Amino acid sequence: MSTPSDAQIELREVTHAYKTDAGPLPVLDNLSLTVREGAFCAVVGPSGCGKSTLTRLIAGLMRPDEGQVWLHRELVTSPKPTVGMAFQNPVLLEWRTILKNVMLPLEIVAPSMPMAQREERARHLLHLVGLEGFEDKRPSELSGGMRQRASLCRSIVHKPEVLILDEPFGALDAFTREDLWQTMHNLRAEEPFTCVLITHDLRESVYLADEIAVLSARPARLQYLMEVDLPKDRPLDVLYEPKAVEMLAELRHQIQIAQGRAAPDAEAAA
């Protein structure tokens, strides 16, 4: 049994629950989702609906109670070195310089790579995100936005096929966040990868993604899937254009449905 030829990530009827003292806590319910190779998929939904659980299943850090997760056309049963991850908290090691923080994954997944080649790779990425000249700084010497840039470099330094972003910009101010959105576009152009982004920011999802999956309330299922019909090279001003405004309005409506604050659409209910 294999995945479709153009699928990089596929969840097939995935159901998962956490064990608690009060009994099982259902989180995902018969969730199916496919992300094609090279696509950028944003996942949005009500708080606590299971978005982060979804990323752990894709990364192989957890296994579903029922259903299957496929990655690179192989069944996921354990963590994969071909997956990169970045989180809201960059978690950089203070005793290492920024350069050595970025190089860390290569020490783990490519120990035979010559040191000079590792350093060249890390310096190239730091240059791409505007951190050239900060290679020898410690994390505490950088701003929050700069630390997150370094974290993004670390997550892709080993050239993963899949990048998972779990609200990486959520703790940043609005201006820094928008600056990093543009950085992500630049990284995608230079470093192609398939991406799954977990976010609560609908504008972020529209600006960054090729498709947006809206999850229902817990236990989550796929409630709505939106194709983002915007130019691949997007200036920030595209968010104020009528097409983007319409997409944002539809996403807000879908979130309200998931929260129980709006009635389901007639077609969906049928």
Protein backbone atom coordinates (compact mmCIF):
# COMPACT_ATOMS: atom_id res chain seq x y z
CA MET A 1 0.00 0.00 0.00
CA SER A 2 1.53 3.31 -1.03
CA THR A 3 0.70 6.98 -1.21
CA PRO A 4 -0.32 8.83 -4.39
CA SER A 5 2.71 9.73 -6.53
CA ASP A 6 2.43 13.48 -5.84
CA ALA A 7 1.87 13.16 -2.06
CA GLN A 8 4.72 13.99 0.29
CA ILE A 9 2.59 13.71 3.45
CA GLU A 10 -0.58 11.71 3.86
CA LEU A 11 -2.72 11.07 6.92
CA ARG A 12 -5.23 8.30 6.37
CA GLU A 13 -8.23 8.18 8.71
CA VAL A 14 -6.11 9.06 11.73
CA THR A 15 -7.71 8.83 15.18
CA HIS A 16 -5.84 9.61 18.38
CA ALA A 17 -6.64 10.11 22.06
CA TYR A 18 -4.52 10.97 25.10
CA LYS A 19 -4.70 8.88 28.21
CA THR A 20 -5.79 10.85 31.29
CA ASP A 21 -6.84 9.98 34.84
CA ALA A 22 -10.43 10.67 33.80
CA GLY A 23 -10.15 8.37 30.79
CA PRO A 24 -9.23 8.80 27.10
CA LEU A 25 -9.25 12.39 25.76
CA PRO A 26 -10.10 12.19 22.03
CA VAL A 27 -8.00 14.64 20.00
CA LEU A 28 -8.19 13.56 16.34
CA ASP A 29 -11.12 11.74 14.79
CA ASN A 30 -10.82 9.96 11.44
CA LEU A 31 -8.66 12.78 10.06
CA SER A 32 -7.45 12.48 6.48
CA LEU A 33 -5.16 15.04 4.86
CA THR A 34 -2.74 14.97 1.92
CA VAL A 35 0.04 17.48 1.29
CA ARG A 36 1.60 17.26 -2.15
CA GLU A 37 5.34 17.41 -2.68
CA GLY A 38 6.69 20.96 -2.55
CA ALA A 39 3.46 22.44 -1.16
CA PHE A 40 3.09 24.76 1.82
CA CYS A 41 0.07 23.73 3.90
CA ALA A 42 -1.15 25.89 6.80
CA VAL A 43 -3.29 24.24 9.47
CA VAL A 44 -5.70 26.39 11.47
CA GLY A 45 -8.47 25.61 13.93
CA PRO A 46 -9.81 26.35 17.41
CA SER A 47 -7.36 26.39 20.29
CA GLY A 48 -6.76 22.90 21.67
CA CYS A 49 -8.19 21.07 18.66
CA GLY A 50 -5.11 18.92 18.09
CA LYS A 51 -2.97 20.91 15.66
CA SER A 52 0.28 20.25 17.52
CA THR A 53 -0.62 16.57 17.89
CA LEU A 54 -0.90 16.47 14.11
CA THR A 55 2.68 17.72 13.73
CA ARG A 56 4.03 15.15 16.19
CA LEU A 57 2.36 12.36 14.24
CA ILE A 58 3.82 13.60 10.95
CA ALA A 59 7.28 13.85 12.52
CA GLY A 60 7.02 10.31 13.86
CA LEU A 61 7.30 11.45 17.48
CA MET A 62 3.96 9.74 18.18
CA ARG A 63 1.95 6.97 16.54
CA PRO A 64 -1.81 7.23 15.98
CA ASP A 65 -4.24 4.96 17.80
CA GLU A 66 -5.89 4.23 14.46
CA GLY A 67 -5.10 5.06 10.86
CA GLN A 68 -1.78 5.67 9.14
CA VAL A 69 0.69 8.48 8.50
CA TRP A 70 2.78 8.30 5.32
CA LEU A 71 5.87 10.38 4.66
CA HIS A 72 8.05 10.24 1.55
CA ARG A 73 5.76 7.39 0.42
CA GLU A 74 6.74 5.34 3.47
CA LEU A 75 4.67 4.45 6.52
CA VAL A 76 5.79 6.53 9.53
CA THR A 77 6.68 4.37 12.53
CA SER A 78 9.51 6.40 14.08
CA PRO A 79 11.19 9.85 13.86
CA LYS A 80 12.62 10.71 10.46
CA PRO A 81 15.89 12.60 9.82
CA THR A 82 14.29 14.00 6.66
CA VAL A 83 11.97 16.16 8.81
CA GLY A 84 12.94 19.58 10.19
CA MET A 85 11.01 21.32 12.96
CA ALA A 86 10.80 24.85 14.36
CA PHE A 87 8.67 25.98 17.29
CA GLN A 88 7.37 29.17 18.93
CA ASN A 89 10.30 29.02 21.36
CA PRO A 90 13.57 28.82 19.39
CA VAL A 91 15.31 26.83 22.20
CA LEU A 92 18.81 27.79 21.10
CA LEU A 93 21.71 26.57 23.27
CA GLU A 94 23.25 29.51 25.12
CA TRP A 95 26.67 27.87 25.41
CA ARG A 96 26.95 27.62 21.63
CA THR A 97 27.37 30.47 19.17
CA ILE A 98 24.63 31.12 16.63
CA LEU A 99 26.76 29.46 13.95
CA LYS A 100 27.26 26.34 16.06
CA ASN A 101 23.56 26.26 16.99
CA VAL A 102 22.67 26.18 13.30
CA MET A 103 25.26 23.46 12.64
CA LEU A 104 23.91 21.18 15.39
CA PRO A 105 21.54 19.03 13.23
CA LEU A 106 24.40 18.26 10.84
CA GLU A 107 26.42 16.87 13.74
CA ILE A 108 23.56 14.44 14.40
CA VAL A 109 22.31 13.42 10.94
CA ALA A 110 25.50 13.96 8.89
CA PRO A 111 28.42 13.25 11.27
CA SER A 112 30.72 12.30 8.39
CA MET A 113 30.30 15.68 6.67
CA PRO A 114 33.57 17.66 6.87
CA MET A 115 33.50 20.50 9.40
CA ALA A 116 34.32 23.08 6.73
CA GLN A 117 31.32 21.94 4.66
CA ARG A 118 29.00 22.11 7.68
CA GLU A 119 30.18 25.62 8.47
CA GLU A 120 29.81 26.74 4.85
CA ARG A 121 26.24 25.44 4.78
CA ALA A 122 25.31 27.19 8.06
CA ARG A 123 26.91 30.48 7.02
CA HIS A 124 25.02 30.40 3.72
CA LEU A 125 21.67 30.08 5.49
CA LEU A 126 22.49 32.79 8.02
CA HIS A 127 23.34 35.06 5.09
CA LEU A 128 19.97 34.27 3.45
CA VAL A 129 18.03 35.35 6.56
CA GLY A 130 20.04 38.50 7.23
CA LEU A 131 22.19 37.23 10.11
CA GLU A 132 25.55 37.55 8.41
CA GLY A 133 27.93 39.08 10.94
CA PHE A 134 26.14 37.55 13.94
CA GLU A 135 27.60 34.04 13.60
CA ASP A 136 29.77 34.35 16.73
CA LYS A 137 27.09 35.89 18.95
CA ARG A 138 25.33 33.97 21.71
CA PRO A 139 21.52 33.60 21.62
CA SER A 140 21.05 36.05 24.51
CA GLU A 141 22.78 38.74 22.43
CA LEU A 142 20.11 38.58 19.71
CA SER A 143 16.55 39.90 19.56
CA GLY A 144 13.59 37.54 19.54
CA GLY A 145 13.17 37.90 15.79
CA MET A 146 16.85 37.22 15.16
CA ARG A 147 16.76 34.11 17.35
CA GLN A 148 13.77 32.84 15.39
CA ARG A 149 15.67 33.42 12.13
CA ALA A 150 18.51 31.34 13.52
CA SER A 151 16.02 28.66 14.54
CA LEU A 152 14.64 28.53 11.00
CA CYS A 153 18.17 28.09 9.65
CA ARG A 154 18.80 25.26 12.10
CA SER A 155 15.56 23.52 11.05
CA ILE A 156 16.58 23.37 7.37
CA VAL A 157 20.37 23.15 7.56
CA HIS A 158 20.27 19.38 6.88
CA LYS A 159 18.04 19.96 3.81
CA PRO A 160 14.92 18.20 5.09
CA GLU A 161 12.26 17.12 2.64
CA VAL A 162 9.56 18.20 5.08
CA LEU A 163 9.58 21.23 7.39
CA ILE A 164 7.12 21.45 10.28
CA LEU A 165 6.52 24.88 11.80
CA ASP A 166 4.52 24.93 15.04
CA GLU A 167 3.52 28.58 15.56
CA PRO A 168 7.10 29.82 15.07
CA PHE A 169 6.10 33.48 14.83
CA GLY A 170 3.34 33.56 17.46
CA ALA A 171 5.36 35.24 20.23
CA LEU A 172 6.74 38.03 18.03
CA ASP A 173 5.44 41.55 17.53
CA ALA A 174 3.44 42.28 14.38
CA PHE A 175 6.24 44.03 12.48
CA THR A 176 8.82 41.32 13.22
CA ARG A 177 6.29 38.65 12.32
CA GLU A 178 5.59 40.17 8.91
CA ASP A 179 9.33 40.53 8.29
CA LEU A 180 9.78 36.82 9.00
CA TRP A 181 6.91 35.93 6.67
CA GLN A 182 8.92 37.47 3.88
CA THR A 183 12.01 35.63 5.08
CA MET A 184 10.09 32.37 4.76
CA HIS A 185 9.21 33.19 1.15
CA ASN A 186 12.90 33.83 0.43
CA LEU A 187 13.91 30.55 2.07
CA ARG A 188 11.37 28.59 0.03
CA ALA A 189 12.74 30.09 -3.16
CA GLU A 190 16.31 29.12 -2.24
CA GLU A 191 15.65 25.90 -0.29
CA PRO A 192 12.62 24.00 -1.67
CA PHE A 193 10.77 21.84 0.86
CA THR A 194 7.29 20.62 1.71
CA CYS A 195 5.96 22.55 4.70
CA VAL A 196 3.22 22.19 7.31
CA LEU A 197 2.60 25.36 9.32
CA ILE A 198 0.50 25.40 12.50
CA THR A 199 -0.80 28.89 13.17
CA HIS A 200 -3.59 30.89 14.81
CA ASP A 201 -2.94 33.85 12.50
CA LEU A 202 -5.24 33.69 9.47
CA ARG A 203 -3.33 36.45 7.67
CA GLU A 204 -0.16 34.44 8.12
CA SER A 205 -1.80 31.36 6.64
CA VAL A 206 -3.05 33.25 3.57
CA TYR A 207 0.27 35.00 2.98
CA LEU A 208 2.49 31.94 3.35
CA ALA A 209 0.46 28.93 2.25
CA ASP A 210 -0.56 27.26 -0.98
CA GLU A 211 -3.43 25.56 0.83
CA ILE A 212 -5.10 25.95 4.22
CA ALA A 213 -6.65 23.11 6.21
CA VAL A 214 -9.26 24.12 8.78
CA LEU A 215 -9.72 21.61 11.59
CA SER A 216 -12.95 21.23 13.52
CA ALA A 217 -13.23 21.39 17.29
CA ARG A 218 -11.76 18.47 19.26
CA PRO A 219 -11.78 15.65 18.36
CA ALA A 220 -10.61 17.24 15.15
CA ARG A 221 -11.45 16.24 11.63
CA LEU A 222 -10.76 18.07 8.38
CA GLN A 223 -13.60 20.59 8.21
CA TYR A 224 -12.55 22.71 5.23
CA LEU A 225 -9.69 22.89 2.72
CA MET A 226 -8.89 26.13 0.90
CA GLU A 227 -6.62 26.55 -2.10
CA VAL A 228 -4.79 29.88 -1.88
CA ASP A 229 -5.15 31.37 -5.34
CA LEU A 230 -2.53 34.12 -5.05
CA PRO A 231 0.71 34.76 -6.96
CA LYS A 232 3.63 32.68 -5.70
CA ASP A 233 5.73 35.83 -5.32
CA ARG A 234 3.54 37.82 -2.90
CA PRO A 235 4.15 41.30 -1.56
CA LEU A 236 2.58 41.96 1.85
CA ASP A 237 0.12 44.33 0.19
CA VAL A 238 -1.57 41.31 -1.41
CA LEU A 239 -3.35 40.78 1.94
CA TYR A 240 -5.37 43.95 1.28
CA GLU A 241 -6.52 42.91 -2.17
CA PRO A 242 -10.15 41.75 -2.63
CA LYS A 243 -9.27 38.09 -3.25
CA ALA A 244 -7.23 37.83 -0.04
CA VAL A 245 -9.90 39.69 1.95
CA GLU A 246 -12.51 37.21 0.71
CA MET A 247 -10.35 34.26 1.72
CA LEU A 248 -9.80 35.73 5.18
CA ALA A 249 -13.52 36.24 5.62
CA GLU A 250 -14.22 32.63 4.66
CA LEU A 251 -11.55 31.35 7.04
CA ARG A 252 -12.99 33.41 9.90
CA HIS A 253 -16.41 31.95 9.12
CA GLN A 254 -15.00 28.43 9.17
CA ILE A 255 -13.33 29.05 12.53
CA GLN A 256 -16.63 30.33 13.91
CA ILE A 257 -18.30 27.12 12.72
CA ALA A 258 -15.58 25.07 14.42
CA GLN A 259 -16.10 27.05 17.63
CA GLY A 260 -19.86 26.53 17.48
CA ARG A 261 -20.51 30.26 16.99
CA ALA A 262 -21.93 29.86 13.47
CA ALA A 263 -24.13 27.24 11.82
CA PRO A 264 -22.42 24.79 9.44
CA ASP A 265 -22.75 25.60 5.75
CA ALA A 266 -25.72 23.88 4.11
CA GLU A 267 -23.52 22.02 1.60
CA ALA A 268 -21.21 20.75 4.33
CA ALA A 269 -24.12 19.69 6.49
CA ALA A 270 -25.63 17.78 3.58
